[in-house]
Amino acid sequence: MSTPEVIVARDPGELADAIAARLVTSLVEAQSDGRHAHLCLTGGHIGISCLAALEAAASRDSIDWPRLHVWWGDDRYVTSTDPDRNELQARAALLDHVPLDPAHVHAMPSADSGLDVDEAAAAYARELQRWARPEDHAELPSFDVCLLGIGPDAHVASLFPQLPGVHERERTVVGVHGSPKPPPLRVSLTLPALQASREVWLIVAGRDKADAVRLALSDAGPVQVPGAGARGRDRTVALLDEAAASSLPPELRRLASP
């Protein structure tokens, strides 16, 4: 797995703009040989803010939207109309404003899908497998960029410290029961699925996440610190604001630039 790089912006607004600019560059590069690109989204304030920044950026038109697939690292297992759904928030911020192919927007099943949470996880695993390519060498497409937040407890996606999902090594998607952060039921990619990404971007804002960021960028074990297992095959980048980076030694940081 790749060694994390750290890039620091002054505040959450500058961070969202920097992530949006980097997304344009990375997705355009991924599509430069004519292939489809795959982007995995996260929820949370900064996860949605960077999508809103991308929607507002003139450079967004550089992306070939019909050749982009959109996935999620996790979602809350609530009804499809619940405003807490990561999917709905992402649609409002960006997805409904760009010419994506609807068949390329791969939302996780919701609580009103007729499936229970474990069936929903299995269905999403099948959807991932359906779009896997021979060159991926995995049961899911290799995400060109996978965006992940980090919680104050160092969770990523809906993989929480010491809960069963963080121990999973075979499946790509799990149903999460008893999440310590409401709601209790969620669907989440596993660490092996996240680690199949070409690039993992850890996007974090806020001083309440500073200790978790420090642990996630250390050699801590991923069972206790799931963020420490969030690494891309080719590249891992921690994109932080000053508050989230405040517990890191100064030599690890460099300033964000578009």
C-alpha atoms as a PDB file:
ATOM      1  CA  MET A   1       0.000   0.000   0.000  1.00  0.00           C
ATOM      2  CA  SER A   2       1.101   3.563  -0.661  1.00  0.00           C
ATOM      3  CA  THR A   3       2.589   5.928   1.921  1.00  0.00           C
ATOM      4  CA  PRO A   4       0.299   8.885   2.696  1.00  0.00           C
ATOM      5  CA  GLU A   5       1.113  12.390   1.490  1.00  0.00           C
ATOM      6  CA  VAL A   6      -0.246  15.315   3.508  1.00  0.00           C
ATOM      7  CA  ILE A   7      -1.591  18.511   1.929  1.00  0.00           C
ATOM      8  CA  VAL A   8      -2.983  21.278   4.149  1.00  0.00           C
ATOM      9  CA  ALA A   9      -5.397  24.107   3.325  1.00  0.00           C
ATOM     10  CA  ARG A  10      -6.097  27.083   5.555  1.00  0.00           C
ATOM     11  CA  ASP A  11      -9.781  26.442   6.230  1.00  0.00           C
ATOM     12  CA  PRO A  12     -12.698  24.202   5.145  1.00  0.00           C
ATOM     13  CA  GLY A  13     -13.681  26.478   2.248  1.00  0.00           C
ATOM     14  CA  GLU A  14     -10.191  26.507   0.775  1.00  0.00           C
ATOM     15  CA  LEU A  15      -9.980  22.758   1.345  1.00  0.00           C
ATOM     16  CA  ALA A  16     -13.232  22.091  -0.545  1.00  0.00           C
ATOM     17  CA  ASP A  17     -11.995  24.190  -3.479  1.00  0.00           C
ATOM     18  CA  ALA A  18      -8.631  22.383  -3.506  1.00  0.00           C
ATOM     19  CA  ILE A  19     -10.293  18.950  -3.504  1.00  0.00           C
ATOM     20  CA  ALA A  20     -12.618  20.003  -6.337  1.00  0.00           C
ATOM     21  CA  ALA A  21      -9.697  21.258  -8.442  1.00  0.00           C
ATOM     22  CA  ARG A  22      -7.749  18.051  -7.864  1.00  0.00           C
ATOM     23  CA  LEU A  23     -10.791  15.959  -8.768  1.00  0.00           C
ATOM     24  CA  VAL A  24     -11.056  17.672 -12.147  1.00  0.00           C
ATOM     25  CA  THR A  25      -7.378  17.036 -12.871  1.00  0.00           C
ATOM     26  CA  SER A  26      -7.465  13.413 -11.726  1.00  0.00           C
ATOM     27  CA  LEU A  27     -10.681  12.466 -13.524  1.00  0.00           C
ATOM     28  CA  VAL A  28      -9.644  14.139 -16.783  1.00  0.00           C
ATOM     29  CA  GLU A  29      -6.344  12.274 -16.619  1.00  0.00           C
ATOM     30  CA  ALA A  30      -8.121   8.977 -15.897  1.00  0.00           C
ATOM     31  CA  GLN A  31     -10.342   9.508 -18.949  1.00  0.00           C
ATOM     32  CA  SER A  32      -7.509  10.615 -21.244  1.00  0.00           C
ATOM     33  CA  ASP A  33      -7.105   7.199 -22.837  1.00  0.00           C
ATOM     34  CA  GLY A  34     -10.811   6.953 -23.629  1.00  0.00           C
ATOM     35  CA  ARG A  35     -11.781   4.693 -20.775  1.00  0.00           C
ATOM     36  CA  HIS A  36     -14.481   5.186 -18.162  1.00  0.00           C
ATOM     37  CA  ALA A  37     -13.376   6.605 -14.812  1.00  0.00           C
ATOM     38  CA  HIS A  38     -14.694   5.432 -11.439  1.00  0.00           C
ATOM     39  CA  LEU A  39     -15.145   7.801  -8.484  1.00  0.00           C
ATOM     40  CA  CYS A  40     -16.149   6.706  -4.970  1.00  0.00           C
ATOM     41  CA  LEU A  41     -17.848   9.362  -2.843  1.00  0.00           C
ATOM     42  CA  THR A  42     -18.122   9.979   0.872  1.00  0.00           C
ATOM     43  CA  GLY A  43     -20.636  11.889   2.957  1.00  0.00           C
ATOM     44  CA  GLY A  44     -20.066  14.379   5.745  1.00  0.00           C
ATOM     45  CA  HIS A  45     -19.687  18.134   5.608  1.00  0.00           C
ATOM     46  CA  ILE A  46     -16.421  18.321   3.690  1.00  0.00           C
ATOM     47  CA  GLY A  47     -17.401  15.422   1.413  1.00  0.00           C
ATOM     48  CA  ILE A  48     -20.496  17.269   0.254  1.00  0.00           C
ATOM     49  CA  SER A  49     -18.826  20.713   0.282  1.00  0.00           C
ATOM     50  CA  CYS A  50     -16.199  19.602  -2.230  1.00  0.00           C
ATOM     51  CA  LEU A  51     -18.956  18.350  -4.555  1.00  0.00           C
ATOM     52  CA  ALA A  52     -20.700  21.730  -4.283  1.00  0.00           C
ATOM     53  CA  ALA A  53     -17.373  23.429  -5.060  1.00  0.00           C
ATOM     54  CA  LEU A  54     -16.969  21.217  -8.118  1.00  0.00           C
ATOM     55  CA  GLU A  55     -20.494  22.086  -9.274  1.00  0.00           C
ATOM     56  CA  ALA A  56     -19.604  25.786  -9.063  1.00  0.00           C
ATOM     57  CA  ALA A  57     -16.251  25.453 -10.847  1.00  0.00           C
ATOM     58  CA  ALA A  58     -16.018  26.368 -14.546  1.00  0.00           C
ATOM     59  CA  SER A  59     -13.468  23.571 -14.957  1.00  0.00           C
ATOM     60  CA  ARG A  60     -16.124  20.937 -14.243  1.00  0.00           C
ATOM     61  CA  ASP A  61     -16.950  20.879 -17.964  1.00  0.00           C
ATOM     62  CA  SER A  62     -13.509  19.351 -18.610  1.00  0.00           C
ATOM     63  CA  ILE A  63     -14.822  16.076 -17.184  1.00  0.00           C
ATOM     64  CA  ASP A  64     -16.516  13.705 -19.625  1.00  0.00           C
ATOM     65  CA  TRP A  65     -19.483  13.108 -17.349  1.00  0.00           C
ATOM     66  CA  PRO A  66     -21.166  10.349 -19.402  1.00  0.00           C
ATOM     67  CA  ARG A  67     -17.957   8.310 -19.017  1.00  0.00           C
ATOM     68  CA  LEU A  68     -17.845   8.664 -15.234  1.00  0.00           C
ATOM     69  CA  HIS A  69     -19.159   6.037 -12.817  1.00  0.00           C
ATOM     70  CA  VAL A  70     -20.093   7.218  -9.322  1.00  0.00           C
ATOM     71  CA  TRP A  71     -20.048   4.894  -6.299  1.00  0.00           C
ATOM     72  CA  TRP A  72     -20.317   5.328  -2.531  1.00  0.00           C
ATOM     73  CA  GLY A  73     -18.040   4.116   0.254  1.00  0.00           C
ATOM     74  CA  ASP A  74     -21.011   3.836   2.586  1.00  0.00           C
ATOM     75  CA  ASP A  75     -24.517   5.063   3.190  1.00  0.00           C
ATOM     76  CA  ARG A  76     -27.025   5.150   5.976  1.00  0.00           C
ATOM     77  CA  TYR A  77     -29.626   2.382   5.744  1.00  0.00           C
ATOM     78  CA  VAL A  78     -32.623   4.704   5.814  1.00  0.00           C
ATOM     79  CA  THR A  79     -35.403   5.318   3.301  1.00  0.00           C
ATOM     80  CA  SER A  80     -34.575   6.656  -0.148  1.00  0.00           C
ATOM     81  CA  THR A  81     -36.134  10.041   0.697  1.00  0.00           C
ATOM     82  CA  ASP A  82     -34.367  10.503   4.031  1.00  0.00           C
ATOM     83  CA  PRO A  83     -32.282  13.714   3.901  1.00  0.00           C
ATOM     84  CA  ASP A  84     -29.487  11.934   5.810  1.00  0.00           C
ATOM     85  CA  ARG A  85     -28.767   9.730   2.790  1.00  0.00           C
ATOM     86  CA  ASN A  86     -25.299  10.409   1.395  1.00  0.00           C
ATOM     87  CA  GLU A  87     -26.794   9.769  -2.034  1.00  0.00           C
ATOM     88  CA  LEU A  88     -29.421  12.516  -1.748  1.00  0.00           C
ATOM     89  CA  GLN A  89     -26.910  15.033  -0.443  1.00  0.00           C
ATOM     90  CA  ALA A  90     -24.497  14.254  -3.293  1.00  0.00           C
ATOM     91  CA  ARG A  91     -27.282  14.574  -5.855  1.00  0.00           C
ATOM     92  CA  ALA A  92     -28.307  17.973  -4.511  1.00  0.00           C
ATOM     93  CA  ALA A  93     -24.715  19.228  -4.387  1.00  0.00           C
ATOM     94  CA  LEU A  94     -23.511  17.988  -7.787  1.00  0.00           C
ATOM     95  CA  LEU A  95     -24.875  14.868  -9.417  1.00  0.00           C
ATOM     96  CA  ASP A  96     -28.234  16.293 -10.494  1.00  0.00           C
ATOM     97  CA  HIS A  97     -26.463  19.266 -12.131  1.00  0.00           C
ATOM     98  CA  VAL A  98     -24.115  17.425 -14.502  1.00  0.00           C
ATOM     99  CA  PRO A  99     -24.839  15.143 -17.488  1.00  0.00           C
ATOM    100  CA  LEU A 100     -24.071  11.802 -15.868  1.00  0.00           C
ATOM    101  CA  ASP A 101     -25.480   8.645 -17.406  1.00  0.00           C
ATOM    102  CA  PRO A 102     -28.115   7.563 -14.815  1.00  0.00           C
ATOM    103  CA  ALA A 103     -26.970   3.955 -15.259  1.00  0.00           C
ATOM    104  CA  HIS A 104     -23.523   5.011 -14.046  1.00  0.00           C
ATOM    105  CA  VAL A 105     -24.745   6.386 -10.690  1.00  0.00           C
ATOM    106  CA  HIS A 106     -24.516   3.378  -8.390  1.00  0.00           C
ATOM    107  CA  ALA A 107     -26.402   4.233  -5.209  1.00  0.00           C
ATOM    108  CA  MET A 108     -26.478   1.778  -2.324  1.00  0.00           C
ATOM    109  CA  PRO A 109     -29.883   0.169  -1.685  1.00  0.00           C
ATOM    110  CA  SER A 110     -32.060   2.002   0.822  1.00  0.00           C
ATOM    111  CA  ALA A 111     -34.291   0.748   3.628  1.00  0.00           C
ATOM    112  CA  ASP A 112     -37.368   0.891   1.373  1.00  0.00           C
ATOM    113  CA  SER A 113     -35.741  -1.292  -1.309  1.00  0.00           C
ATOM    114  CA  GLY A 114     -37.393  -4.456  -0.015  1.00  0.00           C
ATOM    115  CA  LEU A 115     -34.021  -5.800   1.160  1.00  0.00           C
ATOM    116  CA  ASP A 116     -32.683  -6.083   4.676  1.00  0.00           C
ATOM    117  CA  VAL A 117     -29.320  -4.455   5.383  1.00  0.00           C
ATOM    118  CA  ASP A 118     -27.284  -7.599   4.734  1.00  0.00           C
ATOM    119  CA  GLU A 119     -29.154  -8.302   1.494  1.00  0.00           C
ATOM    120  CA  ALA A 120     -28.534  -4.693   0.489  1.00  0.00           C
ATOM    121  CA  ALA A 121     -24.801  -5.165   1.064  1.00  0.00           C
ATOM    122  CA  ALA A 122     -24.802  -8.349  -1.029  1.00  0.00           C
ATOM    123  CA  ALA A 123     -26.696  -6.576  -3.824  1.00  0.00           C
ATOM    124  CA  TYR A 124     -24.139  -3.748  -3.890  1.00  0.00           C
ATOM    125  CA  ALA A 125     -21.309  -6.274  -3.979  1.00  0.00           C
ATOM    126  CA  ARG A 126     -22.915  -7.843  -7.057  1.00  0.00           C
ATOM    127  CA  GLU A 127     -23.219  -4.408  -8.699  1.00  0.00           C
ATOM    128  CA  LEU A 128     -19.535  -3.745  -8.073  1.00  0.00           C
ATOM    129  CA  GLN A 129     -18.610  -7.143  -9.486  1.00  0.00           C
ATOM    130  CA  ARG A 130     -20.734  -6.499 -12.581  1.00  0.00           C
ATOM    131  CA  TRP A 131     -18.591  -3.484 -13.458  1.00  0.00           C
ATOM    132  CA  ALA A 132     -15.210  -5.016 -12.601  1.00  0.00           C
ATOM    133  CA  ARG A 133     -12.797  -5.228 -15.542  1.00  0.00           C
ATOM    134  CA  PRO A 134     -10.097  -7.847 -16.165  1.00  0.00           C
ATOM    135  CA  GLU A 135      -7.384  -5.292 -15.451  1.00  0.00           C
ATOM    136  CA  ASP A 136      -8.861  -4.604 -12.000  1.00  0.00           C
ATOM    137  CA  HIS A 137      -7.850  -8.070 -10.738  1.00  0.00           C
ATOM    138  CA  ALA A 138     -10.584  -7.768  -8.117  1.00  0.00           C
ATOM    139  CA  GLU A 139     -14.309  -8.247  -7.630  1.00  0.00           C
ATOM    140  CA  LEU A 140     -14.922  -4.539  -8.093  1.00  0.00           C
ATOM    141  CA  PRO A 141     -13.697  -1.742 -10.363  1.00  0.00           C
ATOM    142  CA  SER A 142     -10.523  -0.032  -9.164  1.00  0.00           C
ATOM    143  CA  PHE A 143     -11.702   3.440  -8.181  1.00  0.00           C
ATOM    144  CA  ASP A 144      -9.550   6.106  -9.799  1.00  0.00           C
ATOM    145  CA  VAL A 145     -10.261   8.235  -6.726  1.00  0.00           C
ATOM    146  CA  CYS A 146     -11.895   7.112  -3.488  1.00  0.00           C
ATOM    147  CA  LEU A 147     -12.868   9.957  -1.145  1.00  0.00           C
ATOM    148  CA  LEU A 148     -13.008   9.110   2.557  1.00  0.00           C
ATOM    149  CA  GLY A 149     -13.658  11.171   5.645  1.00  0.00           C
ATOM    150  CA  ILE A 150     -12.277  10.269   9.060  1.00  0.00           C
ATOM    151  CA  GLY A 151     -14.418  10.423  12.183  1.00  0.00           C
ATOM    152  CA  PRO A 152     -13.205  11.535  15.635  1.00  0.00           C
ATOM    153  CA  ASP A 153     -12.935   7.815  16.519  1.00  0.00           C
ATOM    154  CA  ALA A 154     -10.844   7.267  13.334  1.00  0.00           C
ATOM    155  CA  HIS A 155     -13.594   5.403  11.487  1.00  0.00           C
ATOM    156  CA  VAL A 156     -13.716   5.519   7.691  1.00  0.00           C
ATOM    157  CA  ALA A 157     -16.802   4.793   5.573  1.00  0.00           C
ATOM    158  CA  SER A 158     -18.925   2.917   8.162  1.00  0.00           C
ATOM    159  CA  LEU A 159     -16.038   0.807   9.462  1.00  0.00           C
ATOM    160  CA  PHE A 160     -15.869   1.534  13.177  1.00  0.00           C
ATOM    161  CA  PRO A 161     -13.107   0.512  15.586  1.00  0.00           C
ATOM    162  CA  GLN A 162     -13.327  -3.132  16.649  1.00  0.00           C
ATOM    163  CA  LEU A 163     -16.771  -3.730  15.121  1.00  0.00           C
ATOM    164  CA  PRO A 164     -17.155  -6.787  12.856  1.00  0.00           C
ATOM    165  CA  GLY A 165     -16.941  -4.880   9.572  1.00  0.00           C
ATOM    166  CA  VAL A 166     -13.366  -3.769  10.147  1.00  0.00           C
ATOM    167  CA  HIS A 167     -12.284  -7.424  10.522  1.00  0.00           C
ATOM    168  CA  GLU A 168     -13.747  -8.419   7.128  1.00  0.00           C
ATOM    169  CA  ARG A 169     -11.140  -9.613   4.623  1.00  0.00           C
ATOM    170  CA  GLU A 170     -13.199 -11.566   2.066  1.00  0.00           C
ATOM    171  CA  ARG A 171     -16.305  -9.541   1.213  1.00  0.00           C
ATOM    172  CA  THR A 172     -16.249  -6.165  -0.535  1.00  0.00           C
ATOM    173  CA  VAL A 173     -19.425  -4.836   1.128  1.00  0.00           C
ATOM    174  CA  VAL A 174     -20.962  -5.468   4.551  1.00  0.00           C
ATOM    175  CA  GLY A 175     -24.132  -4.593   6.377  1.00  0.00           C
ATOM    176  CA  VAL A 176     -23.317  -2.679   9.553  1.00  0.00           C
ATOM    177  CA  HIS A 177     -25.367  -3.390  12.682  1.00  0.00           C
ATOM    178  CA  GLY A 178     -25.158  -1.343  15.863  1.00  0.00           C
ATOM    179  CA  SER A 179     -23.213   1.606  14.497  1.00  0.00           C
ATOM    180  CA  PRO A 180     -22.058   3.813  17.407  1.00  0.00           C
ATOM    181  CA  LYS A 181     -23.013   6.803  15.251  1.00  0.00           C
ATOM    182  CA  PRO A 182     -26.743   6.992  14.346  1.00  0.00           C
ATOM    183  CA  PRO A 183     -28.422   5.458  12.508  1.00  0.00           C
ATOM    184  CA  PRO A 184     -27.468   1.980  13.718  1.00  0.00           C
ATOM    185  CA  LEU A 185     -27.880   0.286  10.317  1.00  0.00           C
ATOM    186  CA  ARG A 186     -25.557   1.131   7.411  1.00  0.00           C
ATOM    187  CA  VAL A 187     -24.013  -0.384   4.299  1.00  0.00           C
ATOM    188  CA  SER A 188     -20.262  -0.032   3.867  1.00  0.00           C
ATOM    189  CA  LEU A 189     -17.382  -1.036   1.661  1.00  0.00           C
ATOM    190  CA  THR A 190     -14.717  -3.037   3.501  1.00  0.00           C
ATOM    191  CA  LEU A 191     -11.022  -2.263   3.841  1.00  0.00           C
ATOM    192  CA  PRO A 192     -10.053  -4.713   1.038  1.00  0.00           C
ATOM    193  CA  ALA A 193     -12.474  -2.907  -1.283  1.00  0.00           C
ATOM    194  CA  LEU A 194     -11.118   0.510  -0.327  1.00  0.00           C
ATOM    195  CA  GLN A 195      -7.535  -0.717  -0.717  1.00  0.00           C
ATOM    196  CA  ALA A 196      -8.281  -1.795  -4.301  1.00  0.00           C
ATOM    197  CA  SER A 197      -8.606   1.924  -5.201  1.00  0.00           C
ATOM    198  CA  ARG A 198      -5.879   3.457  -7.327  1.00  0.00           C
ATOM    199  CA  GLU A 199      -5.943   6.562  -5.135  1.00  0.00           C
ATOM    200  CA  VAL A 200      -7.451   7.085  -1.682  1.00  0.00           C
ATOM    201  CA  TRP A 201      -7.975  10.693  -0.587  1.00  0.00           C
ATOM    202  CA  LEU A 202      -8.570  11.221   3.129  1.00  0.00           C
ATOM    203  CA  ILE A 203     -10.474  14.509   3.283  1.00  0.00           C
ATOM    204  CA  VAL A 204     -10.845  15.964   6.776  1.00  0.00           C
ATOM    205  CA  ALA A 205     -11.694  19.317   8.359  1.00  0.00           C
ATOM    206  CA  GLY A 206     -11.978  20.298  12.007  1.00  0.00           C
ATOM    207  CA  ARG A 207      -9.918  20.209  15.186  1.00  0.00           C
ATOM    208  CA  ASP A 208     -12.118  17.452  16.636  1.00  0.00           C
ATOM    209  CA  LYS A 209     -10.613  15.107  14.011  1.00  0.00           C
ATOM    210  CA  ALA A 210      -6.952  16.082  14.630  1.00  0.00           C
ATOM    211  CA  ASP A 211      -6.032  13.171  16.905  1.00  0.00           C
ATOM    212  CA  ALA A 212      -7.833  10.712  14.642  1.00  0.00           C
ATOM    213  CA  VAL A 213      -5.920  12.063  11.632  1.00  0.00           C
ATOM    214  CA  ARG A 214      -2.621  11.647  13.462  1.00  0.00           C
ATOM    215  CA  LEU A 215      -3.462   8.026  14.285  1.00  0.00           C
ATOM    216  CA  ALA A 216      -4.748   7.304  10.781  1.00  0.00           C
ATOM    217  CA  LEU A 217      -1.448   8.480   9.292  1.00  0.00           C
ATOM    218  CA  SER A 218       0.565   6.379  11.717  1.00  0.00           C
ATOM    219  CA  ASP A 219       1.381   2.676  11.745  1.00  0.00           C
ATOM    220  CA  ALA A 220      -1.584   1.930  14.014  1.00  0.00           C
ATOM    221  CA  GLY A 221      -3.543  -1.268  13.458  1.00  0.00           C
ATOM    222  CA  PRO A 222      -6.711  -0.849  11.384  1.00  0.00           C
ATOM    223  CA  VAL A 223      -8.892  -2.813  13.809  1.00  0.00           C
ATOM    224  CA  GLN A 224      -8.430  -0.094  16.437  1.00  0.00           C
ATOM    225  CA  VAL A 225      -7.841   2.718  13.891  1.00  0.00           C
ATOM    226  CA  PRO A 226      -9.735   1.926  10.658  1.00  0.00           C
ATOM    227  CA  GLY A 227      -8.350   5.074   9.023  1.00  0.00           C
ATOM    228  CA  ALA A 228      -4.869   3.558   9.235  1.00  0.00           C
ATOM    229  CA  GLY A 229      -6.029   0.859   6.810  1.00  0.00           C
ATOM    230  CA  ALA A 230      -7.397   3.310   4.246  1.00  0.00           C
ATOM    231  CA  ARG A 231      -4.641   3.280   1.648  1.00  0.00           C
ATOM    232  CA  GLY A 232      -4.667   3.383  -2.156  1.00  0.00           C
ATOM    233  CA  ARG A 233      -2.720   1.015  -4.375  1.00  0.00           C
ATOM    234  CA  ASP A 234      -0.867   3.811  -6.160  1.00  0.00           C
ATOM    235  CA  ARG A 235      -1.367   6.862  -3.968  1.00  0.00           C
ATOM    236  CA  THR A 236      -2.814   7.977  -0.638  1.00  0.00           C
ATOM    237  CA  VAL A 237      -3.335  11.688  -0.014  1.00  0.00           C
ATOM    238  CA  ALA A 238      -4.529  13.310   3.213  1.00  0.00           C
ATOM    239  CA  LEU A 239      -6.201  16.607   2.271  1.00  0.00           C
ATOM    240  CA  LEU A 240      -6.719  18.503   5.519  1.00  0.00           C
ATOM    241  CA  ASP A 241      -7.521  21.941   6.830  1.00  0.00           C
ATOM    242  CA  GLU A 242      -5.213  23.540   9.393  1.00  0.00           C
ATOM    243  CA  ALA A 243      -7.406  22.443  12.303  1.00  0.00           C
ATOM    244  CA  ALA A 244      -7.462  18.776  11.240  1.00  0.00           C
ATOM    245  CA  ALA A 245      -3.681  18.876  10.700  1.00  0.00           C
ATOM    246  CA  SER A 246      -2.936  20.531  14.040  1.00  0.00           C
ATOM    247  CA  SER A 247      -1.648  17.349  15.731  1.00  0.00           C
ATOM    248  CA  LEU A 248       0.744  16.461  12.903  1.00  0.00           C
ATOM    249  CA  PRO A 249       4.446  17.359  12.977  1.00  0.00           C
ATOM    250  CA  PRO A 250       5.142  20.369  10.707  1.00  0.00           C
ATOM    251  CA  GLU A 251       7.512  18.415   8.456  1.00  0.00           C
ATOM    252  CA  LEU A 252       4.646  16.240   7.212  1.00  0.00           C
ATOM    253  CA  ARG A 253       2.643  19.123   5.768  1.00  0.00           C
ATOM    254  CA  ARG A 254       2.707  20.981   2.512  1.00  0.00           C
ATOM    255  CA  LEU A 255       0.290  23.669   1.424  1.00  0.00           C
ATOM    256  CA  ALA A 256      -2.614  22.891  -0.879  1.00  0.00           C
ATOM    257  CA  SER A 257      -2.573  24.215  -4.421  1.00  0.00           C
ATOM    258  CA  PRO A 258      -5.013  23.595  -7.299  1.00  0.00           C
END
